[in-house]
Amino acid sequence: MAKTERLTDEQWLALKPHFEKSIKEFRGNAEVLENAWGALLIGTQVGWKVSFIMHNQSTIKKYEKITGVKFRDVCDPETDLSDKSMGYAIAKKLSSFWKAIRGEEAIPDRMQFHHK
C-alpha cells in the first residue's frame, strides 16, 4: 500500500496542462467538470480502486474524457487512506472486486468515508 501524500510539484505539473485544457475546452454544466476533477484529485489520495467503487464505469470513463487523464495512470491502486472508504472496505471482503465494480455484487455505503 502506497503512503498517501499530497500531489508532488512534479505530479501537479504533469496534470496542470490537462486541467487547463479541460477548462478551456469544456462545454456544458460546470458541475460535471468540477466533479470530474474532484474525483480524480480524491483518487490521487485514496487510490483508483476507491474511485472505481464510488463511481460506475461509465462515470469514470466520462471523467477521464473530460480531464484527459486515466485514473489508473495517476492514482495508486490503493493508499493508506483507502480504508476510509466504507465501500472499499466492504468490497475487499466480497468474492471479487471486479464483480463489485461491475455492479454484480451490491456495495452499501459506497460513497461514505469514515474516520480512520
C-alpha atoms as a PDB file:
ATOM      1  CA  MET A   1       0.000   0.000   0.000  1.00  0.00           C
ATOM      2  CA  ALA A   2       1.418   3.334  -1.021  1.00  0.00           C
ATOM      3  CA  LYS A   3       1.882   6.102   1.501  1.00  0.00           C
ATOM      4  CA  THR A   4      -0.528   8.954   0.937  1.00  0.00           C
ATOM      5  CA  GLU A   5       0.900  12.387   0.409  1.00  0.00           C
ATOM      6  CA  ARG A   6      -0.191  15.492  -1.372  1.00  0.00           C
ATOM      7  CA  LEU A   7       0.465  15.701  -5.045  1.00  0.00           C
ATOM      8  CA  THR A   8       4.103  16.475  -5.592  1.00  0.00           C
ATOM      9  CA  ASP A   9       5.023  19.536  -7.632  1.00  0.00           C
ATOM     10  CA  GLU A  10       6.098  17.193 -10.420  1.00  0.00           C
ATOM     11  CA  GLN A  11       2.764  15.342 -10.386  1.00  0.00           C
ATOM     12  CA  TRP A  12       0.800  18.596 -10.374  1.00  0.00           C
ATOM     13  CA  LEU A  13       2.898  19.939 -13.249  1.00  0.00           C
ATOM     14  CA  ALA A  14       2.036  16.802 -15.223  1.00  0.00           C
ATOM     15  CA  LEU A  15      -1.703  17.297 -14.526  1.00  0.00           C
ATOM     16  CA  LYS A  16      -1.750  21.064 -14.975  1.00  0.00           C
ATOM     17  CA  PRO A  17      -1.866  21.102 -18.816  1.00  0.00           C
ATOM     18  CA  HIS A  18      -4.786  18.626 -18.746  1.00  0.00           C
ATOM     19  CA  PHE A  19      -6.536  20.756 -16.139  1.00  0.00           C
ATOM     20  CA  GLU A  20      -6.123  23.964 -18.118  1.00  0.00           C
ATOM     21  CA  LYS A  21      -7.099  22.322 -21.432  1.00  0.00           C
ATOM     22  CA  SER A  22     -10.221  20.730 -19.955  1.00  0.00           C
ATOM     23  CA  ILE A  23     -11.409  24.047 -18.543  1.00  0.00           C
ATOM     24  CA  LYS A  24     -10.721  25.840 -21.819  1.00  0.00           C
ATOM     25  CA  GLU A  25     -12.473  23.237 -23.982  1.00  0.00           C
ATOM     26  CA  PHE A  26     -15.303  22.091 -21.702  1.00  0.00           C
ATOM     27  CA  ARG A  27     -18.850  22.883 -22.771  1.00  0.00           C
ATOM     28  CA  GLY A  28     -21.774  22.003 -20.557  1.00  0.00           C
ATOM     29  CA  ASN A  29     -22.671  22.057 -16.899  1.00  0.00           C
ATOM     30  CA  ALA A  30     -19.605  23.241 -14.960  1.00  0.00           C
ATOM     31  CA  GLU A  31     -20.623  20.995 -12.082  1.00  0.00           C
ATOM     32  CA  VAL A  32     -19.697  17.977 -14.218  1.00  0.00           C
ATOM     33  CA  LEU A  33     -16.241  19.439 -14.879  1.00  0.00           C
ATOM     34  CA  GLU A  34     -15.831  20.136 -11.184  1.00  0.00           C
ATOM     35  CA  ASN A  35     -16.955  16.603 -10.269  1.00  0.00           C
ATOM     36  CA  ALA A  36     -14.515  15.063 -12.758  1.00  0.00           C
ATOM     37  CA  TRP A  37     -11.516  16.912 -11.331  1.00  0.00           C
ATOM     38  CA  GLY A  38     -12.681  16.389  -7.761  1.00  0.00           C
ATOM     39  CA  ALA A  39     -12.990  12.643  -8.307  1.00  0.00           C
ATOM     40  CA  LEU A  40      -9.534  12.497  -9.885  1.00  0.00           C
ATOM     41  CA  LEU A  41      -7.867  14.527  -7.127  1.00  0.00           C
ATOM     42  CA  ILE A  42      -9.540  12.470  -4.403  1.00  0.00           C
ATOM     43  CA  GLY A  43      -8.416   9.363  -6.297  1.00  0.00           C
ATOM     44  CA  THR A  44      -4.808  10.506  -6.004  1.00  0.00           C
ATOM     45  CA  GLN A  45      -5.254  10.369  -2.224  1.00  0.00           C
ATOM     46  CA  VAL A  46      -7.373   7.218  -1.758  1.00  0.00           C
ATOM     47  CA  GLY A  47      -6.463   5.189  -4.865  1.00  0.00           C
ATOM     48  CA  TRP A  48      -8.200   4.333  -8.109  1.00  0.00           C
ATOM     49  CA  LYS A  49      -9.883   1.270  -6.599  1.00  0.00           C
ATOM     50  CA  VAL A  50     -11.831   3.509  -4.223  1.00  0.00           C
ATOM     51  CA  SER A  51     -12.727   5.811  -7.133  1.00  0.00           C
ATOM     52  CA  PHE A  52     -13.984   2.806  -9.091  1.00  0.00           C
ATOM     53  CA  ILE A  53     -16.126   1.767  -6.104  1.00  0.00           C
ATOM     54  CA  MET A  54     -17.545   5.264  -5.708  1.00  0.00           C
ATOM     55  CA  HIS A  55     -18.370   5.803  -9.393  1.00  0.00           C
ATOM     56  CA  ASN A  56     -19.711   3.422 -12.013  1.00  0.00           C
ATOM     57  CA  GLN A  57     -17.621   2.567 -15.064  1.00  0.00           C
ATOM     58  CA  SER A  58     -19.436   4.948 -17.393  1.00  0.00           C
ATOM     59  CA  THR A  59     -18.898   7.843 -14.984  1.00  0.00           C
ATOM     60  CA  ILE A  60     -15.180   7.051 -14.667  1.00  0.00           C
ATOM     61  CA  LYS A  61     -14.885   6.964 -18.478  1.00  0.00           C
ATOM     62  CA  LYS A  62     -16.751  10.281 -18.729  1.00  0.00           C
ATOM     63  CA  TYR A  63     -14.458  11.853 -16.138  1.00  0.00           C
ATOM     64  CA  GLU A  64     -11.373  10.506 -17.898  1.00  0.00           C
ATOM     65  CA  LYS A  65     -12.592  12.008 -21.154  1.00  0.00           C
ATOM     66  CA  ILE A  66     -13.246  15.373 -19.506  1.00  0.00           C
ATOM     67  CA  THR A  67      -9.896  15.518 -17.685  1.00  0.00           C
ATOM     68  CA  GLY A  68      -7.848  13.834 -20.405  1.00  0.00           C
ATOM     69  CA  VAL A  69      -6.317  11.681 -17.665  1.00  0.00           C
ATOM     70  CA  LYS A  70      -6.790   7.972 -16.933  1.00  0.00           C
ATOM     71  CA  PHE A  71      -7.285   7.388 -13.214  1.00  0.00           C
ATOM     72  CA  ARG A  72      -5.007   4.345 -13.275  1.00  0.00           C
ATOM     73  CA  ASP A  73      -2.201   6.421 -14.795  1.00  0.00           C
ATOM     74  CA  VAL A  74      -2.030   8.914 -11.908  1.00  0.00           C
ATOM     75  CA  CYS A  75      -3.564   7.115  -8.922  1.00  0.00           C
ATOM     76  CA  ASP A  76      -2.089   4.209  -6.994  1.00  0.00           C
ATOM     77  CA  PRO A  77      -4.434   1.202  -6.765  1.00  0.00           C
ATOM     78  CA  GLU A  78      -4.759   1.823  -3.027  1.00  0.00           C
ATOM     79  CA  THR A  79      -3.170   4.014  -0.378  1.00  0.00           C
ATOM     80  CA  ASP A  80      -3.068   4.162   3.378  1.00  0.00           C
ATOM     81  CA  LEU A  81      -6.320   6.159   3.152  1.00  0.00           C
ATOM     82  CA  SER A  82      -8.208   3.596   1.029  1.00  0.00           C
ATOM     83  CA  ASP A  83      -9.864   2.010   4.034  1.00  0.00           C
ATOM     84  CA  LYS A  84     -11.528   5.340   4.886  1.00  0.00           C
ATOM     85  CA  SER A  85     -13.960   4.276   2.171  1.00  0.00           C
ATOM     86  CA  MET A  86     -16.667   2.104   3.687  1.00  0.00           C
ATOM     87  CA  GLY A  87     -17.486   0.794   0.221  1.00  0.00           C
ATOM     88  CA  TYR A  88     -13.897  -0.273  -0.433  1.00  0.00           C
ATOM     89  CA  ALA A  89     -13.623  -1.991   2.952  1.00  0.00           C
ATOM     90  CA  ILE A  90     -16.771  -3.951   2.078  1.00  0.00           C
ATOM     91  CA  ALA A  91     -15.660  -4.689  -1.499  1.00  0.00           C
ATOM     92  CA  LYS A  92     -12.419  -6.248  -0.254  1.00  0.00           C
ATOM     93  CA  LYS A  93     -14.496  -8.822   1.629  1.00  0.00           C
ATOM     94  CA  LEU A  94     -16.639  -9.793  -1.363  1.00  0.00           C
ATOM     95  CA  SER A  95     -15.879 -12.698  -3.673  1.00  0.00           C
ATOM     96  CA  SER A  96     -14.497 -10.461  -6.433  1.00  0.00           C
ATOM     97  CA  PHE A  97     -13.510  -6.807  -6.502  1.00  0.00           C
ATOM     98  CA  TRP A  98     -14.364  -6.616 -10.209  1.00  0.00           C
ATOM     99  CA  LYS A  99     -17.833  -8.093  -9.670  1.00  0.00           C
ATOM    100  CA  ALA A 100     -18.403  -5.288  -7.198  1.00  0.00           C
ATOM    101  CA  ILE A 101     -17.170  -2.745  -9.748  1.00  0.00           C
ATOM    102  CA  ARG A 102     -19.477  -4.143 -12.432  1.00  0.00           C
ATOM    103  CA  GLY A 103     -22.420  -3.966 -10.020  1.00  0.00           C
ATOM    104  CA  GLU A 104     -22.820  -7.730  -9.787  1.00  0.00           C
ATOM    105  CA  GLU A 105     -22.424  -7.523  -6.010  1.00  0.00           C
ATOM    106  CA  ALA A 106     -24.040  -4.727  -4.024  1.00  0.00           C
ATOM    107  CA  ILE A 107     -21.861  -2.338  -2.047  1.00  0.00           C
ATOM    108  CA  PRO A 108     -23.773  -0.433   0.609  1.00  0.00           C
ATOM    109  CA  ASP A 109     -22.402   2.952   1.641  1.00  0.00           C
ATOM    110  CA  ARG A 110     -20.061   3.037  -1.369  1.00  0.00           C
ATOM    111  CA  MET A 111     -19.822   6.837  -1.169  1.00  0.00           C
ATOM    112  CA  GLN A 112     -19.227   7.046   2.589  1.00  0.00           C
ATOM    113  CA  PHE A 113     -15.886   7.830   4.233  1.00  0.00           C
ATOM    114  CA  HIS A 114     -15.327   7.231   7.907  1.00  0.00           C
ATOM    115  CA  HIS A 115     -12.706   8.371  10.357  1.00  0.00           C
ATOM    116  CA  LYS A 116      -9.748   6.012  10.178  1.00  0.00           C
END
